[in-house]
Every structure is written in C-alpha cells, then in structure tokens.
Amino acid sequence: MEKIKPEKALEMLRKKGVDISLEQAAQVLELLRKFANIMVSQYLERQRRG
C-alpha cells in the first residue's frame, strides 16, 4: 500500500479548513502511522490469544 505523502495530507486538511504547515502535516502523518501500528499490533495480539 502506498503511503500518503505530507503534500497530499496538507491538501486534504486544507480542503477541510485546517491550516497547517507542510512540516506539521508530516508530523501528523507520523503520529497516525504510529497509532495505526499500535492498533494492528494490539488486534493481532488479541487474535493470537484467542
């Protein structure tokens, strides 16, 4: 799966009225990726435990 680039995130956020810098958009994406990894890890761990 292709990762969303900060430029695309910035465009998407601006369309929703969120005015942030490119650097901030990159930080938001990094945080969201970390959250996603945690959630997937937790899900897989629950599945493994049955």
PDB file of N, CA and C in Angstrom:
ATOM      1  N   MET A   1       0.839  -1.180   0.000  1.00  0.00           N
ATOM      2  CA  MET A   1       0.000   0.000   0.000  1.00  0.00           C
ATOM      3  C   MET A   1       0.885   1.244   0.000  1.00  0.00           C
ATOM      4  N   GLU A   2       0.537   2.191  -0.800  1.00  0.00           N
ATOM      5  CA  GLU A   2       1.317   3.421  -0.934  1.00  0.00           C
ATOM      6  C   GLU A   2       1.022   4.365   0.233  1.00  0.00           C
ATOM      7  N   LYS A   3       2.074   4.947   0.797  1.00  0.00           N
ATOM      8  CA  LYS A   3       1.916   5.894   1.901  1.00  0.00           C
ATOM      9  C   LYS A   3       1.463   7.251   1.375  1.00  0.00           C
ATOM     10  N   ILE A   4       0.629   7.907   2.165  1.00  0.00           N
ATOM     11  CA  ILE A   4       0.224   9.266   1.838  1.00  0.00           C
ATOM     12  C   ILE A   4       1.405  10.188   2.115  1.00  0.00           C
ATOM     13  N   LYS A   5       1.712  11.035   1.193  1.00  0.00           N
ATOM     14  CA  LYS A   5       2.813  11.974   1.342  1.00  0.00           C
ATOM     15  C   LYS A   5       2.320  13.228   2.078  1.00  0.00           C
ATOM     16  N   PRO A   6       3.227  13.907   2.784  1.00  0.00           N
ATOM     17  CA  PRO A   6       2.819  15.105   3.520  1.00  0.00           C
ATOM     18  C   PRO A   6       2.109  16.144   2.650  1.00  0.00           C
ATOM     19  N   GLU A   7       2.529  16.267   1.402  1.00  0.00           N
ATOM     20  CA  GLU A   7       1.879  17.236   0.499  1.00  0.00           C
ATOM     21  C   GLU A   7       0.407  16.889   0.282  1.00  0.00           C
ATOM     22  N   LYS A   8       0.117  15.607   0.133  1.00  0.00           N
ATOM     23  CA  LYS A   8      -1.269  15.166  -0.064  1.00  0.00           C
ATOM     24  C   LYS A   8      -2.076  15.371   1.212  1.00  0.00           C
ATOM     25  N   ALA A   9      -1.474  15.061   2.359  1.00  0.00           N
ATOM     26  CA  ALA A   9      -2.154  15.272   3.634  1.00  0.00           C
ATOM     27  C   ALA A   9      -2.465  16.754   3.833  1.00  0.00           C
ATOM     28  N   LEU A  10      -1.506  17.593   3.482  1.00  0.00           N
ATOM     29  CA  LEU A  10      -1.698  19.038   3.598  1.00  0.00           C
ATOM     30  C   LEU A  10      -2.873  19.484   2.733  1.00  0.00           C
ATOM     31  N   GLU A  11      -2.926  19.000   1.515  1.00  0.00           N
ATOM     32  CA  GLU A  11      -4.023  19.333   0.602  1.00  0.00           C
ATOM     33  C   GLU A  11      -5.367  18.877   1.174  1.00  0.00           C
ATOM     34  N   MET A  12      -5.399  17.655   1.688  1.00  0.00           N
ATOM     35  CA  MET A  12      -6.641  17.110   2.246  1.00  0.00           C
ATOM     36  C   MET A  12      -7.099  17.908   3.467  1.00  0.00           C
ATOM     37  N   LEU A  13      -6.162  18.255   4.332  1.00  0.00           N
ATOM     38  CA  LEU A  13      -6.510  19.013   5.531  1.00  0.00           C
ATOM     39  C   LEU A  13      -6.968  20.426   5.187  1.00  0.00           C
ATOM     40  N   ARG A  14      -6.315  21.040   4.242  1.00  0.00           N
ATOM     41  CA  ARG A  14      -6.713  22.403   3.844  1.00  0.00           C
ATOM     42  C   ARG A  14      -8.114  22.420   3.251  1.00  0.00           C
ATOM     43  N   LYS A  15      -8.481  21.363   2.527  1.00  0.00           N
ATOM     44  CA  LYS A  15      -9.848  21.272   1.987  1.00  0.00           C
ATOM     45  C   LYS A  15     -10.884  21.214   3.102  1.00  0.00           C
ATOM     46  N   LYS A  16     -10.461  20.728   4.264  1.00  0.00           N
ATOM     47  CA  LYS A  16     -11.361  20.637   5.422  1.00  0.00           C
ATOM     48  C   LYS A  16     -11.242  21.851   6.339  1.00  0.00           C
ATOM     49  N   GLY A  17     -10.467  22.849   5.892  1.00  0.00           N
ATOM     50  CA  GLY A  17     -10.355  24.077   6.653  1.00  0.00           C
ATOM     51  C   GLY A  17      -9.274  24.073   7.721  1.00  0.00           C
ATOM     52  N   VAL A  18      -8.380  23.085   7.686  1.00  0.00           N
ATOM     53  CA  VAL A  18      -7.286  23.006   8.653  1.00  0.00           C
ATOM     54  C   VAL A  18      -6.046  23.616   8.013  1.00  0.00           C
ATOM     55  N   ASP A  19      -5.553  24.687   8.610  1.00  0.00           N
ATOM     56  CA  ASP A  19      -4.406  25.400   8.057  1.00  0.00           C
ATOM     57  C   ASP A  19      -3.160  25.066   8.868  1.00  0.00           C
ATOM     58  N   ILE A  20      -2.333  24.176   8.336  1.00  0.00           N
ATOM     59  CA  ILE A  20      -1.088  23.791   8.996  1.00  0.00           C
ATOM     60  C   ILE A  20       0.049  23.847   7.981  1.00  0.00           C
ATOM     61  N   SER A  21       1.269  23.764   8.483  1.00  0.00           N
ATOM     62  CA  SER A  21       2.433  23.792   7.594  1.00  0.00           C
ATOM     63  C   SER A  21       2.707  22.386   7.049  1.00  0.00           C
ATOM     64  N   LEU A  22       3.562  22.315   6.065  1.00  0.00           N
ATOM     65  CA  LEU A  22       3.959  21.032   5.496  1.00  0.00           C
ATOM     66  C   LEU A  22       4.654  20.177   6.556  1.00  0.00           C
ATOM     67  N   GLU A  23       5.485  20.803   7.373  1.00  0.00           N
ATOM     68  CA  GLU A  23       6.170  20.081   8.452  1.00  0.00           C
ATOM     69  C   GLU A  23       5.165  19.515   9.449  1.00  0.00           C
ATOM     70  N   GLN A  24       4.146  20.293   9.786  1.00  0.00           N
ATOM     71  CA  GLN A  24       3.126  19.811  10.705  1.00  0.00           C
ATOM     72  C   GLN A  24       2.332  18.657  10.086  1.00  0.00           C
ATOM     73  N   ALA A  25       2.056  18.735   8.803  1.00  0.00           N
ATOM     74  CA  ALA A  25       1.345  17.651   8.120  1.00  0.00           C
ATOM     75  C   ALA A  25       2.171  16.367   8.173  1.00  0.00           C
ATOM     76  N   ALA A  26       3.468  16.490   8.007  1.00  0.00           N
ATOM     77  CA  ALA A  26       4.347  15.323   8.099  1.00  0.00           C
ATOM     78  C   ALA A  26       4.321  14.736   9.502  1.00  0.00           C
ATOM     79  N   GLN A  27       4.288  15.595  10.507  1.00  0.00           N
ATOM     80  CA  GLN A  27       4.229  15.128  11.890  1.00  0.00           C
ATOM     81  C   GLN A  27       2.901  14.439  12.185  1.00  0.00           C
ATOM     82  N   VAL A  28       1.817  14.970  11.652  1.00  0.00           N
ATOM     83  CA  VAL A  28       0.501  14.350  11.822  1.00  0.00           C
ATOM     84  C   VAL A  28       0.509  12.951  11.209  1.00  0.00           C
ATOM     85  N   LEU A  29       1.052  12.834  10.006  1.00  0.00           N
ATOM     86  CA  LEU A  29       1.118  11.527   9.358  1.00  0.00           C
ATOM     87  C   LEU A  29       1.953  10.541  10.160  1.00  0.00           C
ATOM     88  N   GLU A  30       3.073  10.994  10.700  1.00  0.00           N
ATOM     89  CA  GLU A  30       3.926  10.128  11.507  1.00  0.00           C
ATOM     90  C   GLU A  30       3.166   9.624  12.738  1.00  0.00           C
ATOM     91  N   LEU A  31       2.446  10.517  13.389  1.00  0.00           N
ATOM     92  CA  LEU A  31       1.667  10.138  14.562  1.00  0.00           C
ATOM     93  C   LEU A  31       0.563   9.140  14.195  1.00  0.00           C
ATOM     94  N   LEU A  32      -0.129   9.397  13.101  1.00  0.00           N
ATOM     95  CA  LEU A  32      -1.194   8.492  12.666  1.00  0.00           C
ATOM     96  C   LEU A  32      -0.648   7.111  12.316  1.00  0.00           C
ATOM     97  N   ARG A  33       0.529   7.066  11.705  1.00  0.00           N
ATOM     98  CA  ARG A  33       1.144   5.774  11.385  1.00  0.00           C
ATOM     99  C   ARG A  33       1.504   5.011  12.649  1.00  0.00           C
ATOM    100  N   LYS A  34       1.999   5.730  13.659  1.00  0.00           N
ATOM    101  CA  LYS A  34       2.325   5.086  14.932  1.00  0.00           C
ATOM    102  C   LYS A  34       1.061   4.528  15.582  1.00  0.00           C
ATOM    103  N   PHE A  35      -0.013   5.320  15.597  1.00  0.00           N
ATOM    104  CA  PHE A  35      -1.284   4.848  16.141  1.00  0.00           C
ATOM    105  C   PHE A  35      -1.766   3.608  15.394  1.00  0.00           C
ATOM    106  N   ALA A  36      -1.688   3.644  14.078  1.00  0.00           N
ATOM    107  CA  ALA A  36      -2.138   2.511  13.273  1.00  0.00           C
ATOM    108  C   ALA A  36      -1.324   1.264  13.591  1.00  0.00           C
ATOM    109  N   ASN A  37      -0.016   1.402  13.715  1.00  0.00           N
ATOM    110  CA  ASN A  37       0.826   0.257  14.044  1.00  0.00           C
ATOM    111  C   ASN A  37       0.481  -0.319  15.411  1.00  0.00           C
ATOM    112  N   ILE A  38       0.222   0.548  16.379  1.00  0.00           N
ATOM    113  CA  ILE A  38      -0.165   0.093  17.716  1.00  0.00           C
ATOM    114  C   ILE A  38      -1.482  -0.669  17.644  1.00  0.00           C
ATOM    115  N   MET A  39      -2.445  -0.118  16.929  1.00  0.00           N
ATOM    116  CA  MET A  39      -3.761  -0.761  16.835  1.00  0.00           C
ATOM    117  C   MET A  39      -3.676  -2.126  16.157  1.00  0.00           C
ATOM    118  N   VAL A  40      -2.905  -2.229  15.096  1.00  0.00           N
ATOM    119  CA  VAL A  40      -2.751  -3.508  14.399  1.00  0.00           C
ATOM    120  C   VAL A  40      -2.048  -4.508  15.307  1.00  0.00           C
ATOM    121  N   SER A  41      -1.025  -4.066  16.009  1.00  0.00           N
ATOM    122  CA  SER A  41      -0.311  -4.959  16.926  1.00  0.00           C
ATOM    123  C   SER A  41      -1.231  -5.471  18.026  1.00  0.00           C
ATOM    124  N   GLN A  42      -2.039  -4.581  18.585  1.00  0.00           N
ATOM    125  CA  GLN A  42      -2.975  -4.985  19.632  1.00  0.00           C
ATOM    126  C   GLN A  42      -4.014  -5.968  19.090  1.00  0.00           C
ATOM    127  N   TYR A  43      -4.524  -5.706  17.915  1.00  0.00           N
ATOM    128  CA  TYR A  43      -5.504  -6.596  17.295  1.00  0.00           C
ATOM    129  C   TYR A  43      -4.910  -7.985  17.068  1.00  0.00           C
ATOM    130  N   LEU A  44      -3.712  -8.013  16.495  1.00  0.00           N
ATOM    131  CA  LEU A  44      -3.082  -9.306  16.222  1.00  0.00           C
ATOM    132  C   LEU A  44      -2.772 -10.064  17.509  1.00  0.00           C
ATOM    133  N   GLU A  45      -2.382  -9.348  18.540  1.00  0.00           N
ATOM    134  CA  GLU A  45      -2.123  -9.983  19.826  1.00  0.00           C
ATOM    135  C   GLU A  45      -3.399 -10.589  20.410  1.00  0.00           C
ATOM    136  N   ARG A  46      -4.514  -9.874  20.315  1.00  0.00           N
ATOM    137  CA  ARG A  46      -5.797 -10.421  20.782  1.00  0.00           C
ATOM    138  C   ARG A  46      -6.200 -11.649  19.981  1.00  0.00           C
ATOM    139  N   GLN A  47      -5.968 -11.605  18.680  1.00  0.00           N
ATOM    140  CA  GLN A  47      -6.304 -12.752  17.835  1.00  0.00           C
ATOM    141  C   GLN A  47      -5.446 -13.954  18.178  1.00  0.00           C
ATOM    142  N   ARG A  48      -4.192 -13.716  18.477  1.00  0.00           N
ATOM    143  CA  ARG A  48      -3.270 -14.791  18.826  1.00  0.00           C
ATOM    144  C   ARG A  48      -3.681 -15.455  20.137  1.00  0.00           C
ATOM    145  N   ARG A  49      -4.161 -14.648  21.091  1.00  0.00           N
ATOM    146  CA  ARG A  49      -4.582 -15.182  22.393  1.00  0.00           C
ATOM    147  C   ARG A  49      -5.898 -15.950  22.314  1.00  0.00           C
ATOM    148  N   GLY A  50      -6.665 -15.639  21.271  1.00  0.00           N
ATOM    149  CA  GLY A  50      -7.915 -16.350  21.008  1.00  0.00           C
ATOM    150  C   GLY A  50      -9.000 -15.940  21.878  1.00  0.00           C
TER     151      GLY A  50
END
